[in-house]
Every structure is written in C-alpha cells, then in structure tokens.
Amino acid sequence: SLQRQIRCLKMDGRCEIECLSFEDKIGGCRAE
C-alpha cells in the first residue's frame, strides 16, 4: 500500500476517500 501511495504521488495524484467531480480516478492507494 505504501508503494501504491508513492506511485500515486509520482503521477501528480493524491489519495482520497472520494474523488471530487473535477478529478479523475487514476488508480488505487489503499483498500482501507
């Protein structure tokens, strides 16, 4: 899950519970 978070940051993303309406879901961070 730490590796997924780092990969998300490299893609200029951020980990959230819900993406906002003006954002795309580009992957997963953690399941919990």
Full PDB file with SEQRES, HELIX, SHEET, SSBOND, CRYST1, ORIGX, SCALE, CONECT and MASTER records, all heavy atoms in Angstrom:
SEQRES   1 A   32  SER LEU GLN ARG GLN ILE ARG CYS LEU LYS MET ASP GLY          
SEQRES   2 A   32  ARG CYS GLU ILE GLU CYS LEU SER PHE GLU ASP LYS ILE          
SEQRES   3 A   32  GLY GLY CYS ARG ALA GLU                                      
HELIX    1 AA1 LEU A    2  LYS A   10  1                                   9    
SSBOND   1 CYS A   15    CYS A   29                          1555   1555  2.02  
CRYST1    1.000    1.000    1.000  90.00  90.00  90.00 P 1           1          
ORIGX1      1.000000  0.000000  0.000000        0.00000                         
ORIGX2      0.000000  1.000000  0.000000        0.00000                         
ORIGX3      0.000000  0.000000  1.000000        0.00000                         
SCALE1      1.000000  0.000000  0.000000        0.00000                         
SCALE2      0.000000  1.000000  0.000000        0.00000                         
SCALE3      0.000000  0.000000  1.000000        0.00000                         
ATOM      1  N   SER A   1       0.834  -1.200   0.000  1.00  0.00           N  
ATOM      2  CA  SER A   1       0.000   0.000   0.000  1.00  0.00           C  
ATOM      3  C   SER A   1       0.872   1.255   0.000  1.00  0.00           C  
ATOM      4  O   SER A   1       0.520   2.253  -0.622  1.00  0.00           O  
ATOM      5  CB  SER A   1      -0.947   0.010   1.198  1.00  0.00           C  
ATOM      6  OG  SER A   1      -0.231   0.132   2.407  1.00  0.00           O  
ATOM      7  N   LEU A   2       2.013   1.193   0.652  1.00  0.00           N  
ATOM      8  CA  LEU A   2       2.942   2.323   0.629  1.00  0.00           C  
ATOM      9  C   LEU A   2       3.478   2.542  -0.781  1.00  0.00           C  
ATOM     10  O   LEU A   2       3.594   3.674  -1.236  1.00  0.00           O  
ATOM     11  CB  LEU A   2       4.090   2.091   1.617  1.00  0.00           C  
ATOM     12  CG  LEU A   2       5.084   3.221   1.769  1.00  0.00           C  
ATOM     13  CD1 LEU A   2       4.386   4.473   2.277  1.00  0.00           C  
ATOM     14  CD2 LEU A   2       6.192   2.818   2.708  1.00  0.00           C  
ATOM     15  N   GLN A   3       3.772   1.461  -1.483  1.00  0.00           N  
ATOM     16  CA  GLN A   3       4.245   1.575  -2.864  1.00  0.00           C  
ATOM     17  C   GLN A   3       3.166   2.194  -3.750  1.00  0.00           C  
ATOM     18  O   GLN A   3       3.463   2.998  -4.631  1.00  0.00           O  
ATOM     19  CB  GLN A   3       4.639   0.207  -3.410  1.00  0.00           C  
ATOM     20  CG  GLN A   3       5.883  -0.352  -2.783  1.00  0.00           C  
ATOM     21  CD  GLN A   3       6.147  -1.787  -3.203  1.00  0.00           C  
ATOM     22  OE1 GLN A   3       5.298  -2.440  -3.798  1.00  0.00           O  
ATOM     23  NE2 GLN A   3       7.320  -2.282  -2.867  1.00  0.00           N  
ATOM     24  N   ARG A   4       1.901   1.837  -3.530  1.00  0.00           N  
ATOM     25  CA  ARG A   4       0.810   2.413  -4.318  1.00  0.00           C  
ATOM     26  C   ARG A   4       0.671   3.906  -4.047  1.00  0.00           C  
ATOM     27  O   ARG A   4       0.407   4.691  -4.962  1.00  0.00           O  
ATOM     28  CB  ARG A   4      -0.501   1.700  -4.012  1.00  0.00           C  
ATOM     29  CG  ARG A   4      -0.619   0.395  -4.782  1.00  0.00           C  
ATOM     30  CD  ARG A   4      -1.901  -0.274  -4.436  1.00  0.00           C  
ATOM     31  NE  ARG A   4      -1.574  -1.148  -3.317  1.00  0.00           N  
ATOM     32  CZ  ARG A   4      -2.434  -1.839  -2.617  1.00  0.00           C  
ATOM     33  NH1 ARG A   4      -3.703  -1.746  -2.856  1.00  0.00           N  
ATOM     34  NH2 ARG A   4      -2.051  -2.618  -1.637  1.00  0.00           N  
ATOM     35  N   GLN A   5       0.856   4.318  -2.791  1.00  0.00           N  
ATOM     36  CA  GLN A   5       0.780   5.745  -2.468  1.00  0.00           C  
ATOM     37  C   GLN A   5       1.903   6.517  -3.147  1.00  0.00           C  
ATOM     38  O   GLN A   5       1.687   7.604  -3.679  1.00  0.00           O  
ATOM     39  CB  GLN A   5       0.844   5.950  -0.953  1.00  0.00           C  
ATOM     40  CG  GLN A   5      -0.406   5.542  -0.238  1.00  0.00           C  
ATOM     41  CD  GLN A   5      -0.278   5.714   1.267  1.00  0.00           C  
ATOM     42  OE1 GLN A   5       0.797   5.990   1.778  1.00  0.00           O  
ATOM     43  NE2 GLN A   5      -1.380   5.549   1.965  1.00  0.00           N  
ATOM     44  N   ILE A   6       3.097   5.976  -3.152  1.00  0.00           N  
ATOM     45  CA  ILE A   6       4.234   6.638  -3.801  1.00  0.00           C  
ATOM     46  C   ILE A   6       3.997   6.728  -5.301  1.00  0.00           C  
ATOM     47  O   ILE A   6       4.252   7.761  -5.924  1.00  0.00           O  
ATOM     48  CB  ILE A   6       5.546   5.885  -3.474  1.00  0.00           C  
ATOM     49  CG1 ILE A   6       5.879   6.058  -1.988  1.00  0.00           C  
ATOM     50  CG2 ILE A   6       6.690   6.380  -4.354  1.00  0.00           C  
ATOM     51  CD1 ILE A   6       7.009   5.178  -1.507  1.00  0.00           C  
ATOM     52  N   ARG A   7       3.462   5.665  -5.900  1.00  0.00           N  
ATOM     53  CA  ARG A   7       3.162   5.685  -7.334  1.00  0.00           C  
ATOM     54  C   ARG A   7       2.109   6.742  -7.656  1.00  0.00           C  
ATOM     55  O   ARG A   7       2.189   7.440  -8.663  1.00  0.00           O  
ATOM     56  CB  ARG A   7       2.668   4.313  -7.786  1.00  0.00           C  
ATOM     57  CG  ARG A   7       2.546   4.195  -9.277  1.00  0.00           C  
ATOM     58  CD  ARG A   7       2.103   2.821  -9.743  1.00  0.00           C  
ATOM     59  NE  ARG A   7       2.658   1.735  -8.972  1.00  0.00           N  
ATOM     60  CZ  ARG A   7       1.929   0.713  -8.515  1.00  0.00           C  
ATOM     61  NH1 ARG A   7       0.648   0.658  -8.739  1.00  0.00           N  
ATOM     62  NH2 ARG A   7       2.504  -0.255  -7.830  1.00  0.00           N  
ATOM     63  N   CYS A   8       1.125   6.902  -6.771  1.00  0.00           N  
ATOM     64  CA  CYS A   8       0.092   7.921  -6.964  1.00  0.00           C  
ATOM     65  C   CYS A   8       0.706   9.315  -6.919  1.00  0.00           C  
ATOM     66  O   CYS A   8       0.371  10.170  -7.738  1.00  0.00           O  
ATOM     67  CB  CYS A   8      -0.982   7.778  -5.886  1.00  0.00           C  
ATOM     68  SG  CYS A   8      -2.318   8.973  -6.000  1.00  0.00           S  
ATOM     69  N   LEU A   9       1.603   9.559  -6.003  1.00  0.00           N  
ATOM     70  CA  LEU A   9       2.250  10.866  -5.911  1.00  0.00           C  
ATOM     71  C   LEU A   9       3.102  11.154  -7.148  1.00  0.00           C  
ATOM     72  O   LEU A   9       3.170  12.290  -7.611  1.00  0.00           O  
ATOM     73  CB  LEU A   9       3.104  10.949  -4.650  1.00  0.00           C  
ATOM     74  CG  LEU A   9       2.333  10.989  -3.328  1.00  0.00           C  
ATOM     75  CD1 LEU A   9       3.296  10.909  -2.155  1.00  0.00           C  
ATOM     76  CD2 LEU A   9       1.488  12.241  -3.250  1.00  0.00           C  
ATOM     77  N   LYS A  10       3.745  10.124  -7.701  1.00  0.00           N  
ATOM     78  CA  LYS A  10       4.563  10.316  -8.903  1.00  0.00           C  
ATOM     79  C   LYS A  10       3.698  10.681 -10.107  1.00  0.00           C  
ATOM     80  O   LYS A  10       4.175  11.314 -11.042  1.00  0.00           O  
ATOM     81  CB  LYS A  10       5.363   9.055  -9.200  1.00  0.00           C  
ATOM     82  CG  LYS A  10       6.535   8.864  -8.269  1.00  0.00           C  
ATOM     83  CD  LYS A  10       7.319   7.623  -8.632  1.00  0.00           C  
ATOM     84  CE  LYS A  10       8.485   7.437  -7.685  1.00  0.00           C  
ATOM     85  NZ  LYS A  10       9.235   6.209  -7.985  1.00  0.00           N  
ATOM     86  N   MET A  11       2.429  10.274 -10.099  1.00  0.00           N  
ATOM     87  CA  MET A  11       1.527  10.591 -11.201  1.00  0.00           C  
ATOM     88  C   MET A  11       0.771  11.901 -10.945  1.00  0.00           C  
ATOM     89  O   MET A  11      -0.262  12.149 -11.543  1.00  0.00           O  
ATOM     90  CB  MET A  11       0.520   9.459 -11.408  1.00  0.00           C  
ATOM     91  CG  MET A  11       1.139   8.171 -11.863  1.00  0.00           C  
ATOM     92  SD  MET A  11      -0.065   6.914 -12.306  1.00  0.00           S  
ATOM     93  CE  MET A  11      -0.837   6.563 -10.742  1.00  0.00           C  
ATOM     94  N   ASP A  12       1.281  12.743 -10.042  1.00  0.00           N  
ATOM     95  CA  ASP A  12       0.648  14.009  -9.661  1.00  0.00           C  
ATOM     96  C   ASP A  12      -0.752  13.807  -9.117  1.00  0.00           C  
ATOM     97  O   ASP A  12      -1.662  14.591  -9.382  1.00  0.00           O  
ATOM     98  CB  ASP A  12       0.608  14.998 -10.840  1.00  0.00           C  
ATOM     99  CG  ASP A  12       1.970  15.564 -11.142  1.00  0.00           C  
ATOM    100  OD1 ASP A  12       2.787  15.626 -10.213  1.00  0.00           O  
ATOM    101  OD2 ASP A  12       2.210  15.936 -12.292  1.00  0.00           O  
ATOM    102  N   GLY A  13      -0.932  12.748  -8.358  1.00  0.00           N  
ATOM    103  CA  GLY A  13      -2.230  12.468  -7.757  1.00  0.00           C  
ATOM    104  C   GLY A  13      -2.176  12.622  -6.252  1.00  0.00           C  
ATOM    105  O   GLY A  13      -1.136  12.942  -5.672  1.00  0.00           O  
ATOM    106  N   ARG A  14      -3.321  12.403  -5.641  1.00  0.00           N  
ATOM    107  CA  ARG A  14      -3.388  12.416  -4.182  1.00  0.00           C  
ATOM    108  C   ARG A  14      -4.373  11.341  -3.759  1.00  0.00           C  
ATOM    109  O   ARG A  14      -5.318  11.027  -4.492  1.00  0.00           O  
ATOM    110  CB  ARG A  14      -3.799  13.778  -3.659  1.00  0.00           C  
ATOM    111  CG  ARG A  14      -5.122  14.266  -4.156  1.00  0.00           C  
ATOM    112  CD  ARG A  14      -5.380  15.715  -3.743  1.00  0.00           C  
ATOM    113  NE  ARG A  14      -6.653  16.161  -4.250  1.00  0.00           N  
ATOM    114  CZ  ARG A  14      -7.820  15.916  -3.673  1.00  0.00           C  
ATOM    115  NH1 ARG A  14      -7.874  15.249  -2.547  1.00  0.00           N  
ATOM    116  NH2 ARG A  14      -8.942  16.347  -4.208  1.00  0.00           N  
ATOM    117  N   CYS A  15      -4.159  10.775  -2.614  1.00  0.00           N  
ATOM    118  CA  CYS A  15      -5.007   9.696  -2.115  1.00  0.00           C  
ATOM    119  C   CYS A  15      -6.182  10.285  -1.341  1.00  0.00           C  
ATOM    120  O   CYS A  15      -5.990  11.092  -0.437  1.00  0.00           O  
ATOM    121  CB  CYS A  15      -4.189   8.782  -1.206  1.00  0.00           C  
ATOM    122  SG  CYS A  15      -2.845   7.947  -2.072  1.00  0.00           S  
ATOM    123  N   GLU A  16      -7.384   9.880  -1.723  1.00  0.00           N  
ATOM    124  CA  GLU A  16      -8.598  10.383  -1.095  1.00  0.00           C  
ATOM    125  C   GLU A  16      -9.623   9.280  -0.961  1.00  0.00           C  
ATOM    126  O   GLU A  16      -9.544   8.248  -1.624  1.00  0.00           O  
ATOM    127  CB  GLU A  16      -9.206  11.515  -1.942  1.00  0.00           C  
ATOM    128  CG  GLU A  16      -8.429  12.798  -1.907  1.00  0.00           C  
ATOM    129  CD  GLU A  16      -8.422  13.467  -0.544  1.00  0.00           C  
ATOM    130  OE1 GLU A  16      -9.388  13.319   0.222  1.00  0.00           O  
ATOM    131  OE2 GLU A  16      -7.430  14.138  -0.239  1.00  0.00           O  
ATOM    132  N   ILE A  17     -10.604   9.524  -0.100  1.00  0.00           N  
ATOM    133  CA  ILE A  17     -11.719   8.588   0.049  1.00  0.00           C  
ATOM    134  C   ILE A  17     -12.619   8.667  -1.173  1.00  0.00           C  
ATOM    135  O   ILE A  17     -13.042   7.662  -1.720  1.00  0.00           O  
ATOM    136  CB  ILE A  17     -12.503   8.891   1.337  1.00  0.00           C  
ATOM    137  CG1 ILE A  17     -11.625   8.615   2.549  1.00  0.00           C  
ATOM    138  CG2 ILE A  17     -13.768   8.055   1.413  1.00  0.00           C  
ATOM    139  CD1 ILE A  17     -12.229   9.038   3.859  1.00  0.00           C  
ATOM    140  N   GLU A  18     -12.924   9.852  -1.628  1.00  0.00           N  
ATOM    141  CA  GLU A  18     -13.746  10.090  -2.816  1.00  0.00           C  
ATOM    142  C   GLU A  18     -13.051  11.129  -3.685  1.00  0.00           C  
ATOM    143  O   GLU A  18     -12.552  12.128  -3.178  1.00  0.00           O  
ATOM    144  CB  GLU A  18     -15.127  10.626  -2.431  1.00  0.00           C  
ATOM    145  CG  GLU A  18     -16.059   9.601  -1.837  1.00  0.00           C  
ATOM    146  CD  GLU A  18     -16.606   8.647  -2.867  1.00  0.00           C  
ATOM    147  OE1 GLU A  18     -16.823   9.060  -4.018  1.00  0.00           O  
ATOM    148  OE2 GLU A  18     -16.793   7.473  -2.525  1.00  0.00           O  
ATOM    149  N   CYS A  19     -13.048  10.912  -4.977  1.00  0.00           N  
ATOM    150  CA  CYS A  19     -12.523  11.925  -5.887  1.00  0.00           C  
ATOM    151  C   CYS A  19     -13.585  12.996  -6.086  1.00  0.00           C  
ATOM    152  O   CYS A  19     -14.780  12.703  -6.126  1.00  0.00           O  
ATOM    153  CB  CYS A  19     -12.157  11.300  -7.225  1.00  0.00           C  
ATOM    154  SG  CYS A  19     -10.760  10.166  -7.133  1.00  0.00           S  
ATOM    155  N   LEU A  20     -13.149  14.232  -6.228  1.00  0.00           N  
ATOM    156  CA  LEU A  20     -14.075  15.328  -6.466  1.00  0.00           C  
ATOM    157  C   LEU A  20     -14.588  15.263  -7.898  1.00  0.00           C  
ATOM    158  O   LEU A  20     -14.046  14.549  -8.740  1.00  0.00           O  
ATOM    159  CB  LEU A  20     -13.375  16.658  -6.186  1.00  0.00           C  
ATOM    160  CG  LEU A  20     -12.848  16.820  -4.750  1.00  0.00           C  
ATOM    161  CD1 LEU A  20     -12.056  18.100  -4.630  1.00  0.00           C  
ATOM    162  CD2 LEU A  20     -14.005  16.797  -3.756  1.00  0.00           C  
ATOM    163  N   SER A  21     -15.631  16.026  -8.191  1.00  0.00           N  
ATOM    164  CA  SER A  21     -16.268  15.956  -9.512  1.00  0.00           C  
ATOM    165  C   SER A  21     -15.334  16.394 -10.630  1.00  0.00           C  
ATOM    166  O   SER A  21     -15.497  15.968 -11.770  1.00  0.00           O  
ATOM    167  CB  SER A  21     -17.541  16.802  -9.525  1.00  0.00           C  
ATOM    168  OG  SER A  21     -17.226  18.152  -9.264  1.00  0.00           O  
ATOM    169  N   PHE A  22     -14.356  17.230 -10.339  1.00  0.00           N  
ATOM    170  CA  PHE A  22     -13.429  17.697 -11.374  1.00  0.00           C  
ATOM    171  C   PHE A  22     -12.137  16.896 -11.393  1.00  0.00           C  
ATOM    172  O   PHE A  22     -11.142  17.315 -11.969  1.00  0.00           O  
ATOM    173  CB  PHE A  22     -13.122  19.196 -11.193  1.00  0.00           C  
ATOM    174  CG  PHE A  22     -12.544  19.547  -9.848  1.00  0.00           C  
ATOM    175  CD1 PHE A  22     -11.183  19.488  -9.627  1.00  0.00           C  
ATOM    176  CD2 PHE A  22     -13.374  19.908  -8.807  1.00  0.00           C  
ATOM    177  CE1 PHE A  22     -10.645  19.804  -8.398  1.00  0.00           C  
ATOM    178  CE2 PHE A  22     -12.850  20.234  -7.570  1.00  0.00           C  
ATOM    179  CZ  PHE A  22     -11.485  20.178  -7.357  1.00  0.00           C  
ATOM    180  N   GLU A  23     -12.131  15.713 -10.788  1.00  0.00           N  
ATOM    181  CA  GLU A  23     -10.939  14.864 -10.735  1.00  0.00           C  
ATOM    182  C   GLU A  23     -11.220  13.504 -11.371  1.00  0.00           C  
ATOM    183  O   GLU A  23     -12.356  13.048 -11.417  1.00  0.00           O  
ATOM    184  CB  GLU A  23     -10.495  14.659  -9.291  1.00  0.00           C  
ATOM    185  CG  GLU A  23      -9.998  15.904  -8.611  1.00  0.00           C  
ATOM    186  CD  GLU A  23      -9.592  15.663  -7.179  1.00  0.00           C  
ATOM    187  OE1 GLU A  23     -10.260  14.882  -6.478  1.00  0.00           O  
ATOM    188  OE2 GLU A  23      -8.618  16.276  -6.760  1.00  0.00           O  
ATOM    189  N   ASP A  24     -10.172  12.869 -11.847  1.00  0.00           N  
ATOM    190  CA  ASP A  24     -10.237  11.516 -12.399  1.00  0.00           C  
ATOM    191  C   ASP A  24      -9.678  10.530 -11.384  1.00  0.00           C  
ATOM    192  O   ASP A  24      -8.739  10.851 -10.655  1.00  0.00           O  
ATOM    193  CB  ASP A  24      -9.394  11.401 -13.672  1.00  0.00           C  
ATOM    194  CG  ASP A  24     -10.028  12.082 -14.851  1.00  0.00           C  
ATOM    195  OD1 ASP A  24     -11.266  12.096 -14.940  1.00  0.00           O  
ATOM    196  OD2 ASP A  24      -9.274  12.606 -15.691  1.00  0.00           O  
ATOM    197  N   LYS A  25     -10.233   9.331 -11.380  1.00  0.00           N  
ATOM    198  CA  LYS A  25      -9.661   8.244 -10.591  1.00  0.00           C  
ATOM    199  C   LYS A  25      -8.592   7.594 -11.460  1.00  0.00           C  
ATOM    200  O   LYS A  25      -8.880   7.082 -12.533  1.00  0.00           O  
ATOM    201  CB  LYS A  25     -10.732   7.223 -10.231  1.00  0.00           C  
ATOM    202  CG  LYS A  25     -11.786   7.758  -9.309  1.00  0.00           C  
ATOM    203  CD  LYS A  25     -12.855   6.714  -9.055  1.00  0.00           C  
ATOM    204  CE  LYS A  25     -13.995   7.329  -8.270  1.00  0.00           C  
ATOM    205  NZ  LYS A  25     -15.128   6.422  -8.157  1.00  0.00           N  
ATOM    206  N   ILE A  26      -7.346   7.640 -11.000  1.00  0.00           N  
ATOM    207  CA  ILE A  26      -6.246   7.122 -11.818  1.00  0.00           C  
ATOM    208  C   ILE A  26      -5.618   5.875 -11.211  1.00  0.00           C  
ATOM    209  O   ILE A  26      -4.614   5.397 -11.695  1.00  0.00           O  
ATOM    210  CB  ILE A  26      -5.167   8.201 -12.053  1.00  0.00           C  
ATOM    211  CG1 ILE A  26      -4.620   8.733 -10.734  1.00  0.00           C  
ATOM    212  CG2 ILE A  26      -5.702   9.309 -12.900  1.00  0.00           C  
ATOM    213  CD1 ILE A  26      -3.437   9.665 -10.899  1.00  0.00           C  
ATOM    214  N   GLY A  27      -6.199   5.344 -10.179  1.00  0.00           N  
ATOM    215  CA  GLY A  27      -5.655   4.145  -9.571  1.00  0.00           C  
ATOM    216  C   GLY A  27      -6.111   4.009  -8.144  1.00  0.00           C  
ATOM    217  O   GLY A  27      -7.036   4.684  -7.702  1.00  0.00           O  
ATOM    218  N   GLY A  28      -5.456   3.147  -7.417  1.00  0.00           N  
ATOM    219  CA  GLY A  28      -5.804   2.911  -6.034  1.00  0.00           C  
ATOM    220  C   GLY A  28      -4.647   3.204  -5.107  1.00  0.00           C  
ATOM    221  O   GLY A  28      -3.489   3.051  -5.475  1.00  0.00           O  
ATOM    222  N   CYS A  29      -4.966   3.649  -3.915  1.00  0.00           N  
ATOM    223  CA  CYS A  29      -3.925   3.915  -2.911  1.00  0.00           C  
ATOM    224  C   CYS A  29      -3.901   2.804  -1.866  1.00  0.00           C  
ATOM    225  O   CYS A  29      -2.936   2.081  -1.744  1.00  0.00           O  
ATOM    226  CB  CYS A  29      -4.175   5.254  -2.239  1.00  0.00           C  
ATOM    227  SG  CYS A  29      -3.810   6.655  -3.291  1.00  0.00           S  
ATOM    228  N   ARG A  30      -4.992   2.691  -1.132  1.00  0.00           N  
ATOM    229  CA  ARG A  30      -5.090   1.652  -0.115  1.00  0.00           C  
ATOM    230  C   ARG A  30      -6.525   1.185  -0.055  1.00  0.00           C  
ATOM    231  O   ARG A  30      -7.438   1.923  -0.373  1.00  0.00           O  
ATOM    232  CB  ARG A  30      -4.696   2.186   1.262  1.00  0.00           C  
ATOM    233  CG  ARG A  30      -3.266   2.553   1.379  1.00  0.00           C  
ATOM    234  CD  ARG A  30      -2.835   2.849   2.776  1.00  0.00           C  
ATOM    235  NE  ARG A  30      -3.887   3.346   3.630  1.00  0.00           N  
ATOM    236  CZ  ARG A  30      -3.680   3.856   4.817  1.00  0.00           C  
ATOM    237  NH1 ARG A  30      -2.477   3.978   5.268  1.00  0.00           N  
ATOM    238  NH2 ARG A  30      -4.675   4.280   5.557  1.00  0.00           N  
ATOM    239  N   ALA A  31      -6.713   0.007   0.405  1.00  0.00           N  
ATOM    240  CA  ALA A  31      -8.067  -0.531   0.472  1.00  0.00           C  
ATOM    241  C   ALA A  31      -8.823  -0.025   1.698  1.00  0.00           C  
ATOM    242  O   ALA A  31     -10.030   0.045   1.679  1.00  0.00           O  
ATOM    243  CB  ALA A  31      -8.021  -2.053   0.497  1.00  0.00           C  
ATOM    244  N   GLU A  32      -8.118   0.351   2.743  1.00  0.00           N  
ATOM    245  CA  GLU A  32      -8.809   0.646   3.998  1.00  0.00           C  
ATOM    246  C   GLU A  32      -9.390   2.058   4.029  1.00  0.00           C  
ATOM    247  O   GLU A  32     -10.591   2.247   4.009  1.00  0.00           O  
ATOM    248  CB  GLU A  32      -7.871   0.486   5.198  1.00  0.00           C  
ATOM    249  CG  GLU A  32      -7.288  -0.885   5.368  1.00  0.00           C  
ATOM    250  CD  GLU A  32      -5.976  -1.038   4.655  1.00  0.00           C  
ATOM    251  OE1 GLU A  32      -5.238  -0.047   4.510  1.00  0.00           O  
ATOM    252  OE2 GLU A  32      -5.688  -2.144   4.219  1.00  0.00           O  
TER     253      GLU A  32                                                      
CONECT  122  227                                                                
CONECT  227  122                                                                
MASTER        0    0    0    1    0    0    0    6  252    1    2    3          
END                                                                             
